[in-house]
């Protein structure tokens, strides 16, 4: 991550230099280097010109490579513009399934572009890889996110109501104050997730992994906790757990079962 940030800073610095000035400076520096390498053979200005002509092709190639990297931010900006066009066109056409949109979203996220507030209700995004994405306040309600990789994504205040997140990877995701009401989260990995103040009303959490998750203030009313792994989950209360359905079938540590006054047979 630090290496990528450093590279982005260098790109921004290069972008601030006018192209003509950058190209001219590069050629002059390369010319000086060529003359310095042949300094022992240069006796007159004609010799200097001869050396420059002999190295002209090499100078041109190196200058072209330098220029290529100088224009990288412009090419990246164009790529981002085209990716957003694909996403916007799919939304305008109300297309639920678009593999081009999935690729566009992945490309934007890979380049560190924020997807904050993106509007994709009902979108088909099966197996999409948006690991670490910034999706705060995004609308992904009713979206098909089966087996999606959203590990460490920032989904705070996002709308995931009725979304299909079966077998999704939400490990370490920030879901603070997110709407997950009636979402299908069967066998999803929510280990270590931040679920503070999240709305999980009616959510299907059967066989989901919520170990080490922070449940402070989360609403679990009528959520299905059948075989839900709640070991080492933090900041929950008895009232929260018992407001859910099949809470007695959830997986806890033995000490928690004693606290809940339940027979240990439910924690097999």
Protein backbone atom coordinates (compact mmCIF):
# COMPACT_ATOMS: atom_id res chain seq x y z
CA UNK A 1 0.00 0.00 0.00
CA UNK A 2 2.79 2.44 0.90
CA UNK A 3 4.63 1.61 -2.32
CA UNK A 4 1.48 2.33 -4.34
CA UNK A 5 0.93 5.63 -2.52
CA UNK A 6 4.53 6.67 -3.18
CA UNK A 7 4.16 5.78 -6.86
CA UNK A 8 0.96 7.84 -7.06
CA UNK A 9 2.75 10.83 -5.51
CA UNK A 10 5.52 10.59 -8.10
CA UNK A 11 2.88 10.40 -10.85
CA UNK A 12 1.19 13.55 -9.56
CA UNK A 13 4.51 15.42 -9.40
CA UNK A 14 5.35 14.41 -12.98
CA UNK A 15 1.89 15.47 -14.12
CA UNK A 16 2.52 19.02 -12.89
CA UNK A 17 5.50 19.43 -15.24
CA UNK A 18 4.54 20.66 -18.77
CA UNK A 19 5.00 17.90 -21.34
CA UNK A 20 7.21 19.99 -23.65
CA UNK A 21 9.45 20.96 -20.74
CA UNK A 22 9.64 17.38 -19.50
CA UNK A 23 10.51 16.02 -22.96
CA UNK A 24 13.13 18.72 -23.62
CA UNK A 25 14.75 18.20 -20.22
CA UNK A 26 14.87 14.44 -20.71
CA UNK A 27 16.59 14.74 -24.10
CA UNK A 28 19.13 17.26 -22.77
CA UNK A 29 19.99 15.05 -19.79
CA UNK A 30 20.41 12.01 -22.04
CA UNK A 31 22.57 14.00 -24.45
CA UNK A 32 24.83 15.17 -21.62
CA UNK A 33 25.18 11.59 -20.39
CA UNK A 34 26.10 10.40 -23.91
CA UNK A 35 28.77 13.11 -24.21
CA UNK A 36 30.12 12.33 -20.74
CA UNK A 37 30.49 8.65 -21.62
CA UNK A 38 32.52 9.55 -24.73
CA UNK A 39 34.45 12.47 -23.23
CA UNK A 40 37.83 10.85 -23.90
CA UNK A 41 37.16 10.72 -27.65
CA UNK A 42 35.84 14.25 -28.06
CA UNK A 43 38.46 16.69 -29.37
CA UNK A 44 36.20 19.21 -31.13
CA UNK A 45 32.58 20.23 -31.51
CA UNK A 46 32.42 18.02 -34.63
CA UNK A 47 33.31 15.04 -32.46
CA UNK A 48 30.55 16.02 -30.04
CA UNK A 49 28.00 16.19 -32.84
CA UNK A 50 29.20 12.84 -34.15
CA UNK A 51 28.72 11.28 -30.69
CA UNK A 52 25.20 12.70 -30.46
CA UNK A 53 24.29 11.33 -33.89
CA UNK A 54 25.70 7.92 -32.97
CA UNK A 55 23.55 7.86 -29.84
CA UNK A 56 20.51 9.53 -31.37
CA UNK A 57 18.54 6.29 -31.64
CA UNK A 58 19.27 5.30 -28.04
CA UNK A 59 18.39 8.80 -26.81
CA UNK A 60 15.13 8.73 -28.77
CA UNK A 61 14.15 5.32 -27.35
CA UNK A 62 14.89 6.31 -23.77
CA UNK A 63 13.10 9.65 -24.25
CA UNK A 64 10.07 7.80 -25.64
CA UNK A 65 10.02 5.50 -22.59
CA UNK A 66 10.25 8.48 -20.24
CA UNK A 67 7.48 10.24 -22.17
CA UNK A 68 5.36 7.09 -21.97
CA UNK A 69 5.55 7.13 -18.17
CA UNK A 70 4.93 10.88 -18.11
CA UNK A 71 1.62 10.34 -19.92
CA UNK A 72 0.58 7.41 -17.68
CA UNK A 73 -1.74 9.55 -15.51
CA UNK A 74 -3.57 10.81 -18.62
CA UNK A 75 -4.06 7.26 -19.86
CA UNK A 76 -5.26 6.20 -16.41
CA UNK A 77 -7.72 9.11 -16.29
CA UNK A 78 -9.07 8.11 -19.70
CA UNK A 79 -9.43 4.51 -18.52
CA UNK A 80 -11.37 5.66 -15.45
CA UNK A 81 -13.63 7.83 -17.58
CA UNK A 82 -14.42 4.88 -19.85
CA UNK A 83 -15.04 2.61 -16.83
CA UNK A 84 -17.54 5.09 -15.38
CA UNK A 85 -19.25 5.28 -18.76
CA UNK A 86 -19.75 1.50 -18.76
CA UNK A 87 -21.18 1.64 -15.23
CA UNK A 88 -23.46 4.60 -16.00
CA UNK A 89 -24.72 3.10 -19.27
CA UNK A 90 -25.56 -0.21 -17.57
CA UNK A 91 -27.45 1.68 -14.86
CA UNK A 92 -29.30 3.86 -17.39
CA UNK A 93 -30.32 0.79 -19.38
CA UNK A 94 -31.41 -0.90 -16.12
CA UNK A 95 -29.26 -3.90 -16.98
CA UNK A 96 -28.95 -6.25 -14.01
CA UNK A 97 -26.27 -8.49 -15.51
CA UNK A 98 -23.24 -6.81 -17.08
CA UNK A 99 -19.82 -8.44 -17.03
CA UNK A 100 -18.35 -5.25 -18.45
CA UNK A 101 -19.67 -3.37 -15.40
CA UNK A 102 -18.13 -5.92 -13.03
CA UNK A 103 -14.75 -5.49 -14.74
CA UNK A 104 -15.09 -1.70 -14.72
CA UNK A 105 -15.81 -1.68 -10.98
CA UNK A 106 -12.87 -3.98 -10.29
CA UNK A 107 -10.53 -1.84 -12.40
CA UNK A 108 -11.57 1.35 -10.62
CA UNK A 109 -11.11 -0.24 -7.22
CA UNK A 110 -7.73 -1.67 -8.20
CA UNK A 111 -6.61 1.85 -9.10
CA UNK A 112 -7.75 3.12 -5.71
CA UNK A 113 -10.76 5.06 -7.02
CA UNK A 114 -13.49 5.65 -4.42
CA UNK A 115 -16.86 4.04 -5.15
CA UNK A 116 -18.56 6.07 -2.44
CA UNK A 117 -22.27 6.55 -2.95
CA UNK A 118 -22.45 4.36 -6.04
CA UNK A 119 -26.02 3.43 -7.01
CA UNK A 120 -26.33 -0.24 -8.01
CA UNK A 121 -29.62 -1.59 -6.66
CA UNK A 122 -30.49 -5.03 -8.02
CA UNK A 123 -27.18 -5.34 -9.86
CA UNK A 124 -25.80 -8.79 -10.68
CA UNK A 125 -22.30 -8.74 -9.16
CA UNK A 126 -21.61 -12.38 -8.42
CA UNK A 127 -17.99 -13.15 -7.46
CA UNK A 128 -16.93 -9.53 -7.94
CA UNK A 129 -13.61 -8.65 -6.28
CA UNK A 130 -13.89 -5.32 -4.46
CA UNK A 131 -11.50 -6.08 -1.65
CA UNK A 132 -10.71 -2.93 0.32
CA UNK A 133 -13.13 -0.84 -1.74
CA UNK A 134 -14.56 2.45 -0.49
CA UNK A 135 -18.31 1.89 -0.73
CA UNK A 136 -19.60 4.18 1.97
CA UNK A 137 -23.23 5.20 1.48
CA UNK A 138 -23.46 2.92 -1.59
CA UNK A 139 -26.84 1.54 -2.64
CA UNK A 140 -26.46 -2.20 -3.19
CA UNK A 141 -29.96 -3.13 -2.10
CA UNK A 142 -31.32 -6.32 -3.71
CA UNK A 143 -27.92 -6.80 -5.41
CA UNK A 144 -26.63 -10.28 -6.22
CA UNK A 145 -23.29 -10.45 -4.41
CA UNK A 146 -22.95 -14.21 -4.11
CA UNK A 147 -19.30 -15.11 -3.39
CA UNK A 148 -18.29 -11.46 -3.71
CA UNK A 149 -14.96 -10.48 -2.19
CA UNK A 150 -15.60 -7.43 -0.01
CA UNK A 151 -12.92 -8.13 2.57
CA UNK A 152 -11.80 -4.98 4.40
CA UNK A 153 -14.18 -2.88 2.30
CA UNK A 154 -15.64 0.29 3.81
CA UNK A 155 -19.41 -0.19 3.58
CA UNK A 156 -20.39 2.13 6.41
CA UNK A 157 -23.89 3.58 5.93
CA UNK A 158 -24.32 1.43 2.80
CA UNK A 159 -27.68 0.01 1.80
CA UNK A 160 -27.43 -3.76 1.46
CA UNK A 161 -31.03 -4.49 2.30
CA UNK A 162 -32.31 -7.73 0.73
CA UNK A 163 -28.92 -8.25 -0.95
CA UNK A 164 -27.81 -11.81 -1.69
CA UNK A 165 -24.46 -12.21 0.04
CA UNK A 166 -24.30 -15.99 0.26
CA UNK A 167 -20.71 -17.16 0.78
CA UNK A 168 -19.47 -13.56 0.45
CA UNK A 169 -16.14 -12.53 1.96
CA UNK A 170 -16.77 -9.60 4.31
CA UNK A 171 -13.86 -10.35 6.60
CA UNK A 172 -12.77 -7.20 8.40
CA UNK A 173 -15.29 -5.05 6.49
CA UNK A 174 -16.57 -1.81 7.97
CA UNK A 175 -20.37 -2.19 8.06
CA UNK A 176 -21.02 0.40 10.71
CA UNK A 177 -24.60 1.71 10.48
CA UNK A 178 -25.11 -0.31 7.28
CA UNK A 179 -28.55 -1.56 6.27
CA UNK A 180 -28.40 -5.35 6.02
CA UNK A 181 -32.07 -5.90 6.75
CA UNK A 182 -33.37 -9.14 5.24
CA UNK A 183 -30.03 -9.70 3.51
CA UNK A 184 -29.06 -13.30 2.81
CA UNK A 185 -25.72 -13.88 4.51
CA UNK A 186 -25.68 -17.67 4.68
CA UNK A 187 -22.13 -19.05 5.14
CA UNK A 188 -20.76 -15.51 4.63
CA UNK A 189 -17.47 -14.61 6.32
CA UNK A 190 -18.04 -11.60 8.59
CA UNK A 191 -15.20 -12.42 10.97
CA UNK A 192 -13.70 -9.29 12.47
CA UNK A 193 -16.28 -7.08 10.75
CA UNK A 194 -17.42 -3.81 12.27
CA UNK A 195 -21.20 -4.19 12.64
CA UNK A 196 -21.73 -1.37 15.08
CA UNK A 197 -25.29 -0.01 14.79
CA UNK A 198 -25.87 -2.16 11.69
CA UNK A 199 -29.45 -3.10 10.83
CA UNK A 200 -29.65 -6.91 10.58
CA UNK A 201 -33.40 -7.18 11.05
CA UNK A 202 -34.63 -10.40 9.42
CA UNK A 203 -31.20 -11.17 7.97
CA UNK A 204 -30.34 -14.78 7.21
CA UNK A 205 -27.09 -15.48 9.07
CA UNK A 206 -27.30 -19.26 8.93
CA UNK A 207 -23.79 -20.78 9.13
CA UNK A 208 -22.26 -17.29 8.84
CA UNK A 209 -18.97 -16.51 10.59
CA UNK A 210 -19.30 -13.52 12.94
CA UNK A 211 -16.39 -14.46 15.14
CA UNK A 212 -14.53 -11.41 16.51
CA UNK A 213 -17.14 -9.12 14.94
CA UNK A 214 -18.18 -5.94 16.79
CA UNK A 215 -21.94 -6.07 17.37
CA UNK A 216 -22.31 -2.97 19.52
CA UNK A 217 -25.75 -1.50 18.89
CA UNK A 218 -26.50 -3.87 16.00
CA UNK A 219 -30.17 -4.80 15.53
CA UNK A 220 -30.65 -8.57 15.29
CA UNK A 221 -34.43 -8.72 15.58
CA UNK A 222 -35.76 -11.81 13.76
CA UNK A 223 -32.35 -12.54 12.24
CA UNK A 224 -31.69 -16.26 11.71
CA UNK A 225 -28.74 -17.28 13.89
CA UNK A 226 -28.84 -21.01 13.12
CA UNK A 227 -25.26 -22.30 13.44
CA UNK A 228 -23.95 -18.71 13.30
CA UNK A 229 -20.41 -18.55 14.69
CA UNK A 230 -20.42 -15.87 17.38
CA UNK A 231 -17.27 -16.95 19.16
CA UNK A 232 -15.25 -13.99 20.40
CA UNK A 233 -17.87 -11.59 19.02
CA UNK A 234 -17.73 -8.29 20.91
CA UNK A 235 -20.08 -5.83 22.58
CA UNK A 236 -23.32 -7.77 22.21
CA UNK A 237 -26.02 -8.05 24.85
CA UNK A 238 -28.40 -10.81 25.89
CA UNK A 239 -31.29 -8.70 24.67
CA UNK A 240 -29.72 -8.44 21.22
CA UNK A 241 -29.04 -12.16 20.89
CA UNK A 242 -32.43 -13.24 22.22
CA UNK A 243 -34.27 -10.91 19.85
CA UNK A 244 -33.05 -13.10 16.97
CA UNK A 245 -34.54 -16.35 15.71
CA UNK A 246 -32.90 -19.68 16.58
CA UNK A 247 -30.40 -17.85 18.79
CA UNK A 248 -30.10 -20.99 20.91
CA UNK A 249 -28.52 -22.75 17.91
CA UNK A 250 -25.73 -20.22 17.48
CA UNK A 251 -22.13 -21.20 18.22
CA UNK A 252 -20.60 -19.65 21.36
CA UNK A 253 -17.83 -20.37 23.81
CA UNK A 254 -18.83 -22.57 26.82
CA UNK A 255 -18.64 -19.54 29.13
CA UNK A 256 -21.21 -17.72 27.03
CA UNK A 257 -23.58 -20.68 27.12
CA UNK A 258 -23.40 -20.64 30.89
CA UNK A 259 -24.25 -16.95 30.75
CA UNK A 260 -27.23 -17.71 28.53
CA UNK A 261 -28.30 -20.53 30.87
CA UNK A 262 -28.51 -22.98 28.00
CA UNK A 263 -27.69 -26.63 27.77
CA UNK A 264 -24.28 -27.16 26.13
CA UNK A 265 -25.82 -29.64 23.73
CA UNK A 266 -26.86 -26.72 21.57
CA UNK A 267 -23.20 -25.82 21.03
CA UNK A 268 -22.04 -29.03 19.39
